[in-house]
C-alpha cells in the first residue's frame, strides 16, 4: 500500500502518569522539521501542574488502576483516543525526534500500517523475560505467572524476533490493529505492565503482520538513542518497600515512596540503592520446572542460595562436572532423574558457556573422569551424596579442579551429620569458604537443615 495523499493527519502522542520523570520534549533536538503531514502532539497525563509548548495536555481517567498500568492504555488502544486521526505515532516520554515523520514513513508492503523497531539486543521472548526479571523491572511472581501461562501455548524462545515498543506507528482504525490492541491491553491488565513481555506473544498468536523501521531504536534516522538510565527519572526497578524501609516510612504508606523519591531529586547512585533485585537463575529454574524453587515440589527454597554461588561464573567459559549417585538405600527423599534433568536444563541455560560432563556414580567412572589430565573443572555438582560420601570424595574432586577459582556443591537428601561438618571445618584449606543451606521437603513436610553444602575458593 503506497500513500500519495497530502496533509494526512498524524498524531504523535505519549503519556506521563505519576511522578516518575519530567515531561519530555520530542522536538528539543530535532534536526529536520520539514514534513508533508498534518501533525498534532498529545500527551495524556494525570497532572494539573504540567505545562508544555509542544504537547497538548489531556487528562486521562485512571479507572482505579495504577499509573504503571494506565499509561499503557492509550499506547495499546489509539483508536479509542483518536477517532479523527487515521494514523498515530506512539513515542515514550523520553524519546526525542531527529526529524518529523513524513508520508514516506506511512508506506508499507502490507495491507495496513503497523511499524516499530526490532529489539537492539535481545532476540526472543525468553531472553526478554530473563532481562526484565534480572533487571528488577517487574516482580518475580508476575513474570513467572505470565511466562508459565505463555509456555502453555508456545516455546518462549521461538517467539522471535523481539520488538521494541518505544516507537510505534499505526493505521489504528484498521480492524486487525484494533483486534491486536484490545488483546494486547488485556494481557497488560492481566499480567505485567512491561508491555514488551506481551507484545510479540500477541503478535504470534493473532498472526498480526507488522513491519520494522530500518535499524534499531539506537541507530536510525527517526529518533535519538534513549537514555533509559537518565538520572532525572525513577528507574523501573524502583522498590517502593525497600525505599520505605530505609527511610522509616510505614509500609502501609509505601505507595507514596515513588513520589517522595522523585521530589528528592533522584540520582543514579541512589537509584541503584533502591533497586529491586531478582534472581535470573530462579526464573530459569522455575521455567524449567525444577523442584528447587518455592513453586515446585519436592525441594523448595534452594534457588537463591544456588544463584549466589553460581552467578560469579556466568560470564566465563567453564568446565562443569556433574555426578549423580544412586544411594544403596532407596528413598523418596533422594534427587530423582527428573529433578536432576530439570536442574541441568536450567543450569545450562544460565551458564551457556559451560562444558558439562555428566557422570553416573561408580568408582570406575569417577576415577577415569578425575584422572583425565586434559580437563580441570571449575564447578562440581554432586547429587545424592551423604555425610560419609562428602568426607571421602571432597579432596579427590578438588584435586581435579581449577586451583585458582572453583565451586563444589554437594546435594544431600538428608541433614548432614554435625560431626562431619565439624571435621570438615578442621581439614579444609584456609582459602576454602564453606556454606550450608537447607530446603523445605514436601514429602517429609518439614525443613531439612544443612542438606546442601558448598565449598568455594
Protein backbone atom coordinates (compact mmCIF):
# COMPACT_ATOMS: atom_id res chain seq x y z
CA UNK A 1 0.00 0.00 0.00
CA UNK A 2 1.53 3.33 -1.09
CA UNK A 3 0.22 6.58 0.40
CA UNK A 4 0.12 9.50 -2.04
CA UNK A 5 -2.33 11.86 -0.31
CA UNK A 6 -1.13 15.20 1.01
CA UNK A 7 -1.68 16.54 4.51
CA UNK A 8 -2.68 13.26 6.05
CA UNK A 9 -3.43 13.69 9.77
CA UNK A 10 -0.92 12.05 12.10
CA UNK A 11 -0.96 12.39 15.87
CA UNK A 12 2.27 11.94 17.83
CA UNK A 13 1.37 11.02 21.39
CA UNK A 14 2.67 9.83 24.75
CA UNK A 15 1.57 9.52 28.38
CA UNK A 16 3.04 10.73 31.65
CA UNK A 17 1.22 9.45 34.72
CA UNK A 18 2.50 9.59 38.27
CA UNK A 19 5.65 11.30 39.45
CA UNK A 20 8.47 9.32 37.89
CA UNK A 21 10.21 11.66 35.42
CA UNK A 22 9.98 15.15 33.91
CA UNK A 23 7.83 15.74 30.86
CA UNK A 24 9.92 15.26 27.74
CA UNK A 25 10.04 17.40 24.63
CA UNK A 26 10.34 15.31 21.44
CA UNK A 27 11.33 18.40 19.40
CA UNK A 28 14.10 19.71 21.66
CA UNK A 29 16.93 18.38 19.45
CA UNK A 30 15.17 17.98 16.12
CA UNK A 31 17.32 18.43 13.02
CA UNK A 32 14.69 18.43 10.25
CA UNK A 33 11.23 19.97 10.73
CA UNK A 34 10.05 19.51 7.15
CA UNK A 35 7.03 17.24 6.66
CA UNK A 36 4.09 16.75 4.30
CA UNK A 37 1.84 15.53 7.13
CA UNK A 38 -0.61 17.41 9.34
CA UNK A 39 0.94 16.58 12.74
CA UNK A 40 -0.50 17.20 16.19
CA UNK A 41 1.06 16.37 19.57
CA UNK A 42 -0.89 14.95 22.53
CA UNK A 43 0.26 13.94 25.99
CA UNK A 44 -2.17 12.19 28.35
CA UNK A 45 -1.49 12.98 32.00
CA UNK A 46 -2.96 12.89 35.48
CA UNK A 47 -1.14 16.08 36.50
CA UNK A 48 -2.75 19.50 36.75
CA UNK A 49 0.60 21.29 37.02
CA UNK A 50 2.32 20.22 33.79
CA UNK A 51 2.90 22.82 31.08
CA UNK A 52 4.34 22.40 27.61
CA UNK A 53 4.97 24.42 24.45
CA UNK A 54 4.89 21.22 22.39
CA UNK A 55 2.25 18.93 23.83
CA UNK A 56 -1.49 19.40 24.04
CA UNK A 57 -2.03 18.07 27.56
CA UNK A 58 -5.14 15.95 28.05
CA UNK A 59 -6.43 14.42 31.29
CA UNK A 60 -6.99 10.67 31.43
CA UNK A 61 -9.44 8.64 33.51
CA UNK A 62 -7.41 6.34 35.77
CA UNK A 63 -10.26 3.79 36.30
CA UNK A 64 -8.77 2.92 39.71
CA UNK A 65 -5.68 1.47 38.02
CA UNK A 66 -2.07 2.18 38.93
CA UNK A 67 -0.19 4.75 36.85
CA UNK A 68 2.16 2.00 35.59
CA UNK A 69 -0.79 0.11 34.10
CA UNK A 70 -2.93 3.03 32.99
CA UNK A 71 -0.17 4.70 30.99
CA UNK A 72 -0.31 1.71 28.61
CA UNK A 73 -4.00 2.03 27.73
CA UNK A 74 -3.58 4.81 25.19
CA UNK A 75 -0.45 3.08 23.93
CA UNK A 76 -2.38 -0.12 23.19
CA UNK A 77 -5.70 1.43 22.08
CA UNK A 78 -5.11 4.56 20.00
CA UNK A 79 -8.36 4.00 18.10
CA UNK A 80 -10.30 4.85 21.28
CA UNK A 81 -8.42 8.09 21.86
CA UNK A 82 -8.02 9.46 18.33
CA UNK A 83 -11.20 8.86 16.34
CA UNK A 84 -10.40 11.68 13.89
CA UNK A 85 -6.88 10.58 13.00
CA UNK A 86 -6.10 7.79 10.58
CA UNK A 87 -2.51 7.40 11.78
CA UNK A 88 -0.79 7.64 15.15
CA UNK A 89 2.82 7.58 16.29
CA UNK A 90 3.34 6.47 19.87
CA UNK A 91 6.61 7.54 21.50
CA UNK A 92 7.77 7.02 25.06
CA UNK A 93 8.04 10.23 27.05
CA UNK A 94 11.85 10.19 26.87
CA UNK A 95 12.02 9.92 23.06
CA UNK A 96 13.49 12.79 21.06
CA UNK A 97 12.94 13.05 17.31
CA UNK A 98 15.76 13.62 14.83
CA UNK A 99 13.21 14.57 12.17
CA UNK A 100 9.48 14.80 11.71
CA UNK A 101 7.63 11.85 10.19
CA UNK A 102 6.61 12.16 6.55
CA UNK A 103 4.24 10.30 4.26
CA UNK A 104 7.17 8.05 3.31
CA UNK A 105 7.02 6.61 6.84
CA UNK A 106 3.43 5.55 6.14
CA UNK A 107 4.39 3.36 3.21
CA UNK A 108 4.07 -0.37 3.88
CA UNK A 109 4.04 -3.52 1.75
CA UNK A 110 1.28 -4.90 3.99
CA UNK A 111 -2.49 -4.37 3.99
CA UNK A 112 -2.24 -1.95 6.93
CA UNK A 113 0.44 0.11 8.64
CA UNK A 114 1.88 -1.29 11.87
CA UNK A 115 5.56 -0.47 12.26
CA UNK A 116 8.11 -0.33 15.08
CA UNK A 117 11.75 -1.20 15.77
CA UNK A 118 13.21 -4.66 16.21
CA UNK A 119 14.97 -5.05 19.56
CA UNK A 120 18.60 -3.92 19.51
CA UNK A 121 19.97 -6.52 21.93
CA UNK A 122 17.60 -9.43 22.53
CA UNK A 123 16.12 -11.84 20.01
CA UNK A 124 13.23 -13.69 21.65
CA UNK A 125 10.68 -13.66 24.45
CA UNK A 126 12.66 -15.93 26.77
CA UNK A 127 15.61 -13.52 26.68
CA UNK A 128 13.26 -10.60 27.33
CA UNK A 129 11.70 -12.33 30.34
CA UNK A 130 15.14 -13.05 31.81
CA UNK A 131 16.21 -9.45 31.25
CA UNK A 132 13.07 -7.90 32.73
CA UNK A 133 13.28 -10.25 35.71
CA UNK A 134 17.02 -9.82 36.24
CA UNK A 135 16.90 -6.04 35.99
CA UNK A 136 14.13 -5.98 38.57
CA UNK A 137 11.73 -4.17 36.24
CA UNK A 138 8.90 -6.41 37.40
CA UNK A 139 8.24 -8.62 40.40
CA UNK A 140 9.39 -12.20 40.20
CA UNK A 141 5.91 -13.61 40.75
CA UNK A 142 4.39 -11.52 37.94
CA UNK A 143 6.98 -12.54 35.35
CA UNK A 144 6.75 -16.20 36.34
CA UNK A 145 2.96 -16.28 36.16
CA UNK A 146 2.97 -14.65 32.74
CA UNK A 147 5.69 -16.83 31.23
CA UNK A 148 4.25 -20.03 32.66
CA UNK A 149 0.92 -19.13 31.06
CA UNK A 150 2.53 -18.32 27.70
CA UNK A 151 4.54 -21.56 27.84
CA UNK A 152 1.26 -23.46 27.52
CA UNK A 153 0.91 -22.03 24.01
CA UNK A 154 4.45 -21.54 22.68
CA UNK A 155 8.10 -22.22 23.27
CA UNK A 156 9.23 -18.85 24.64
CA UNK A 157 12.47 -18.94 22.66
CA UNK A 158 10.51 -19.40 19.43
CA UNK A 159 8.73 -16.05 19.84
CA UNK A 160 11.12 -14.14 17.63
CA UNK A 161 12.10 -11.55 16.51
CA UNK A 162 11.63 -9.41 19.58
CA UNK A 163 10.07 -5.99 19.08
CA UNK A 164 10.79 -2.72 20.89
CA UNK A 165 7.62 -0.81 21.75
CA UNK A 166 9.29 2.56 22.37
CA UNK A 167 8.13 3.90 18.99
CA UNK A 168 5.03 2.56 17.18
CA UNK A 169 3.35 3.97 14.09
CA UNK A 170 -0.08 2.54 13.20
CA UNK A 171 -3.09 2.82 10.98
CA UNK A 172 -5.04 2.49 14.17
CA UNK A 173 -8.60 2.16 12.83
CA UNK A 174 -7.82 -0.95 10.77
CA UNK A 175 -9.72 -3.94 12.22
CA UNK A 176 -6.55 -6.02 12.60
CA UNK A 177 -4.79 -3.25 14.51
CA UNK A 178 -7.85 -2.77 16.76
CA UNK A 179 -8.02 -6.51 17.46
CA UNK A 180 -4.33 -6.54 18.28
CA UNK A 181 -4.61 -3.54 20.60
CA UNK A 182 -7.55 -4.96 22.54
CA UNK A 183 -5.80 -8.29 23.03
CA UNK A 184 -2.54 -6.60 24.00
CA UNK A 185 -4.35 -4.43 26.55
CA UNK A 186 -5.98 -7.46 28.20
CA UNK A 187 -2.55 -9.05 28.56
CA UNK A 188 -1.15 -5.89 30.16
CA UNK A 189 -4.09 -5.78 32.56
CA UNK A 190 -3.82 -9.46 33.47
CA UNK A 191 -0.06 -9.75 33.64
CA UNK A 192 2.95 -7.43 33.61
CA UNK A 193 2.95 -3.70 32.95
CA UNK A 194 6.13 -4.36 30.92
CA UNK A 195 4.30 -4.46 27.60
CA UNK A 196 7.18 -5.96 25.60
CA UNK A 197 6.57 -9.20 27.52
CA UNK A 198 3.16 -9.49 25.85
CA UNK A 199 3.57 -7.68 22.52
CA UNK A 200 5.21 -10.43 20.47
CA UNK A 201 3.20 -13.18 22.16
CA UNK A 202 0.03 -11.44 20.95
CA UNK A 203 1.62 -10.85 17.54
CA UNK A 204 2.35 -14.55 17.06
CA UNK A 205 -0.97 -15.77 18.46
CA UNK A 206 -3.03 -13.45 16.24
CA UNK A 207 -0.65 -13.75 13.27
CA UNK A 208 -0.58 -9.96 13.07
CA UNK A 209 1.61 -8.74 10.23
CA UNK A 210 3.93 -5.93 11.33
CA UNK A 211 6.76 -4.06 9.68
CA UNK A 212 10.03 -2.82 11.12
CA UNK A 213 11.74 0.53 10.72
CA UNK A 214 15.26 0.34 9.28
CA UNK A 215 17.87 -0.04 12.02
CA UNK A 216 17.11 -0.15 15.73
CA UNK A 217 15.99 2.46 18.24
CA UNK A 218 19.70 3.04 18.95
CA UNK A 219 20.69 3.56 15.31
CA UNK A 220 18.16 5.06 12.90
CA UNK A 221 17.24 8.33 11.19
CA UNK A 222 13.99 8.98 13.10
CA UNK A 223 14.77 9.12 16.83
CA UNK A 224 17.81 9.59 19.05
CA UNK A 225 19.02 6.74 21.30
CA UNK A 226 17.03 6.84 24.54
CA UNK A 227 18.69 7.25 27.92
CA UNK A 228 16.80 4.63 29.90
CA UNK A 229 19.02 5.26 32.91
CA UNK A 230 18.78 9.04 32.99
CA UNK A 231 19.41 10.45 36.45
CA UNK A 232 16.29 12.62 36.17
CA UNK A 233 13.85 9.69 36.09
CA UNK A 234 12.89 6.99 38.55
CA UNK A 235 14.03 3.65 37.19
CA UNK A 236 11.55 0.88 36.50
CA UNK A 237 13.16 -1.32 39.16
CA UNK A 238 12.50 1.17 41.97
CA UNK A 239 11.43 -0.83 45.03
CA UNK A 240 8.89 1.19 46.98
CA UNK A 241 9.01 -1.08 50.02
CA UNK A 242 12.80 -1.01 50.18
CA UNK A 243 12.80 2.78 49.96
CA UNK A 244 10.14 2.98 52.67
CA UNK A 245 12.11 0.69 54.96
CA UNK A 246 15.36 2.62 54.53
CA UNK A 247 13.61 5.94 55.13
CA UNK A 248 11.44 4.71 58.02
CA UNK A 249 8.19 5.22 56.14
CA UNK A 250 5.45 2.89 57.41
CA UNK A 251 4.96 0.03 54.94
CA UNK A 252 1.26 0.89 54.78
CA UNK A 253 2.33 4.19 53.19
CA UNK A 254 4.85 2.65 50.75
CA UNK A 255 2.69 3.73 47.80
CA UNK A 256 3.91 7.29 48.44
CA UNK A 257 7.58 6.29 48.19
CA UNK A 258 7.97 6.93 44.46
CA UNK A 259 6.59 10.46 44.71
CA UNK A 260 8.77 11.24 47.73
CA UNK A 261 11.87 9.98 45.95
CA UNK A 262 11.09 11.92 42.77
CA UNK A 263 10.69 15.13 44.79
CA UNK A 264 14.09 14.50 46.40
CA UNK A 265 15.86 14.82 43.01
CA UNK A 266 16.96 11.24 42.20
CA UNK A 267 20.45 10.35 41.02
CA UNK A 268 21.91 7.17 39.57
CA UNK A 269 23.86 6.09 42.67
CA UNK A 270 20.84 6.41 44.92
CA UNK A 271 18.58 4.77 42.34
CA UNK A 272 20.73 1.64 42.44
CA UNK A 273 20.41 1.60 46.21
CA UNK A 274 16.62 1.32 45.91
CA UNK A 275 16.55 -1.14 43.01
CA UNK A 276 14.55 -4.35 43.17
CA UNK A 277 16.79 -7.43 42.99
CA UNK A 278 15.53 -10.59 41.31
CA UNK A 279 17.36 -13.84 40.66
CA UNK A 280 17.61 -14.75 36.98
CA UNK A 281 18.60 -18.30 37.90
CA UNK A 282 15.45 -18.56 39.99
CA UNK A 283 13.34 -17.59 36.97
CA UNK A 284 15.10 -20.12 34.74
CA UNK A 285 14.75 -22.87 37.35
CA UNK A 286 11.03 -22.15 37.61
CA UNK A 287 10.52 -22.17 33.86
CA UNK A 288 12.43 -25.47 33.74
CA UNK A 289 10.06 -26.99 36.33
CA UNK A 290 12.90 -27.53 38.76
CA UNK A 291 11.96 -28.74 42.22
CA UNK A 292 14.45 -26.42 43.90
CA UNK A 293 12.33 -23.25 43.92
CA UNK A 294 9.48 -22.15 46.11
CA UNK A 295 6.91 -23.05 43.43
CA UNK A 296 7.63 -26.70 42.70
CA UNK A 297 7.84 -29.91 44.72
CA UNK A 298 9.60 -31.61 46.31
CA UNK A 299 12.52 -29.38 47.43
CA UNK A 300 11.60 -25.74 47.92
CA UNK A 301 13.72 -22.67 48.54
CA UNK A 302 17.17 -23.56 47.20
CA UNK A 303 17.20 -21.19 44.23
CA UNK A 304 18.53 -18.01 45.84
CA UNK A 305 21.31 -19.85 47.67
CA UNK A 306 22.41 -21.61 44.49
CA UNK A 307 22.29 -18.40 42.46
CA UNK A 308 24.57 -16.65 44.94
CA UNK A 309 27.17 -19.38 44.44
CA UNK A 310 26.86 -19.98 40.69
CA UNK A 311 26.36 -16.41 39.41
CA UNK A 312 30.10 -15.42 39.64
CA UNK A 313 30.78 -17.94 36.84
CA UNK A 314 28.02 -16.81 34.43
CA UNK A 315 30.15 -14.73 32.06
CA UNK A 316 33.07 -17.15 31.85
CA UNK A 317 33.84 -20.30 29.87
CA UNK A 318 33.81 -23.10 32.42
CA UNK A 319 34.04 -26.86 32.79
CA UNK A 320 31.40 -28.44 34.99
CA UNK A 321 31.45 -31.93 36.48
CA UNK A 322 28.07 -33.35 37.45
CA UNK A 323 27.88 -36.63 39.34
CA UNK A 324 24.62 -38.44 40.07
CA UNK A 325 24.77 -41.03 42.83
CA UNK A 326 22.25 -43.81 43.31
CA UNK A 327 22.20 -44.46 47.06
CA UNK A 328 22.05 -48.02 48.37
CA UNK A 329 19.00 -47.10 50.41
CA UNK A 330 16.15 -46.20 48.06
CA UNK A 331 14.21 -43.24 49.37
CA UNK A 332 11.65 -40.79 48.08
CA UNK A 333 13.86 -38.11 49.62
CA UNK A 334 16.61 -38.71 47.05
CA UNK A 335 17.02 -36.48 43.99
CA UNK A 336 15.41 -38.41 41.15
CA UNK A 337 16.34 -38.37 37.48
CA UNK A 338 13.67 -35.84 36.52
CA UNK A 339 14.79 -33.41 39.23
CA UNK A 340 18.39 -33.61 38.11
CA UNK A 341 17.41 -33.33 34.45
CA UNK A 342 15.34 -30.18 35.03
CA UNK A 343 18.07 -28.62 37.15
CA UNK A 344 20.66 -29.40 34.47
CA UNK A 345 18.48 -27.82 31.79
CA UNK A 346 18.25 -24.60 33.79
CA UNK A 347 21.95 -24.70 34.68
CA UNK A 348 22.98 -24.95 31.01
CA UNK A 349 20.75 -22.01 30.09
CA UNK A 350 22.13 -19.89 32.93
CA UNK A 351 25.73 -20.80 32.13
CA UNK A 352 25.69 -21.03 28.32
CA UNK A 353 29.50 -21.10 28.16
CA UNK A 354 29.91 -24.15 30.37
CA UNK A 355 31.06 -27.55 29.14
CA UNK A 356 29.23 -30.10 31.23
CA UNK A 357 30.48 -33.62 31.91
CA UNK A 358 27.81 -35.84 33.44
CA UNK A 359 28.90 -38.98 35.25
CA UNK A 360 26.77 -41.70 36.82
CA UNK A 361 28.40 -42.56 40.09
CA UNK A 362 30.74 -45.52 40.31
CA UNK A 363 34.35 -45.71 41.45
CA UNK A 364 35.41 -46.59 37.92
CA UNK A 365 33.56 -43.67 36.34
CA UNK A 366 34.74 -41.21 38.98
CA UNK A 367 38.37 -42.28 38.79
CA UNK A 368 38.54 -42.22 34.99
CA UNK A 369 36.98 -38.75 34.93
CA UNK A 370 39.16 -37.29 37.66
CA UNK A 371 42.35 -38.74 36.20
CA UNK A 372 41.85 -37.06 32.83
CA UNK A 373 44.76 -34.57 32.69
CA UNK A 374 43.14 -32.60 29.86
CA UNK A 375 40.26 -31.25 31.95
CA UNK A 376 40.32 -29.04 35.01
CA UNK A 377 36.82 -28.48 36.36
CA UNK A 378 35.63 -25.10 37.62
CA UNK A 379 32.37 -26.32 39.13
CA UNK A 380 31.38 -29.72 40.50
CA UNK A 381 27.76 -30.62 41.29
CA UNK A 382 27.27 -33.87 43.20
CA UNK A 383 23.78 -35.26 43.83
CA UNK A 384 22.66 -37.75 46.49
CA UNK A 385 25.88 -37.74 48.49
CA UNK A 386 25.59 -38.33 52.23
CA UNK A 387 27.94 -37.24 55.02
CA UNK A 388 30.36 -40.13 54.57
CA UNK A 389 30.44 -39.61 50.78
CA UNK A 390 31.41 -35.98 51.24
CA UNK A 391 34.31 -36.87 53.54
CA UNK A 392 35.53 -39.49 51.08
CA UNK A 393 35.19 -37.52 47.85
CA UNK A 394 35.78 -33.86 48.66
CA UNK A 395 39.54 -33.90 48.16
CA UNK A 396 39.63 -36.30 45.17
CA UNK A 397 37.12 -33.96 43.48
CA UNK A 398 39.13 -30.89 44.48
CA UNK A 399 42.31 -32.41 43.00
CA UNK A 400 40.70 -32.35 39.53
CA UNK A 401 39.63 -28.73 39.74
CA UNK A 402 40.95 -25.29 38.86
CA UNK A 403 43.14 -24.38 41.87
CA UNK A 404 42.61 -20.64 41.41
CA UNK A 405 38.83 -20.42 41.49
CA UNK A 406 36.29 -23.15 41.95
CA UNK A 407 32.99 -24.32 43.37
CA UNK A 408 31.89 -27.71 44.73
CA UNK A 409 28.26 -28.28 45.74
CA UNK A 410 27.12 -31.49 47.41
CA UNK A 411 23.35 -32.10 47.34
CA UNK A 412 22.27 -34.48 50.07
CA UNK A 413 18.84 -35.97 50.68
CA UNK A 414 19.26 -35.70 54.45
CA UNK A 415 20.68 -33.34 57.05
CA UNK A 416 24.43 -33.69 57.21
CA UNK A 417 25.93 -35.20 60.34
CA UNK A 418 27.11 -32.34 62.63
CA UNK A 419 30.28 -34.26 63.49
CA UNK A 420 31.15 -34.40 59.79
CA UNK A 421 30.63 -30.68 59.47
CA UNK A 422 32.97 -30.08 62.41
CA UNK A 423 35.57 -32.44 60.94
CA UNK A 424 35.36 -30.73 57.54
CA UNK A 425 35.87 -27.31 59.09
CA UNK A 426 39.14 -28.51 60.57
CA UNK A 427 40.63 -30.14 57.49
CA UNK A 428 39.65 -27.92 54.56
CA UNK A 429 42.28 -25.48 53.23
CA UNK A 430 42.30 -21.99 54.71
CA UNK A 431 41.26 -20.40 51.42
CA UNK A 432 38.08 -22.52 51.29
CA UNK A 433 34.77 -20.86 52.05
CA UNK A 434 32.17 -23.27 53.34
CA UNK A 435 28.43 -22.53 53.44
CA UNK A 436 25.28 -24.51 54.05
CA UNK A 437 21.66 -24.41 53.03
CA UNK A 438 18.59 -26.47 53.53
CA UNK A 439 15.25 -26.83 51.83
CA UNK A 440 11.64 -27.47 52.68
CA UNK A 441 10.84 -31.04 51.72
CA UNK A 442 7.23 -31.63 50.69
CA UNK A 443 7.48 -35.38 51.22
CA UNK A 444 8.62 -35.03 54.83
CA UNK A 445 6.61 -31.81 55.18
CA UNK A 446 9.48 -30.25 57.08
CA UNK A 447 12.62 -28.18 56.58
CA UNK A 448 15.75 -30.29 56.07
CA UNK A 449 18.65 -28.39 57.66
CA UNK A 450 22.20 -28.42 56.27
CA UNK A 451 21.32 -30.68 53.34
CA UNK A 452 23.33 -28.73 50.78
CA UNK A 453 26.99 -27.90 51.41
CA UNK A 454 29.08 -25.62 49.25
CA UNK A 455 32.85 -25.21 49.06
CA UNK A 456 34.30 -22.28 47.12
CA UNK A 457 37.73 -20.75 46.72
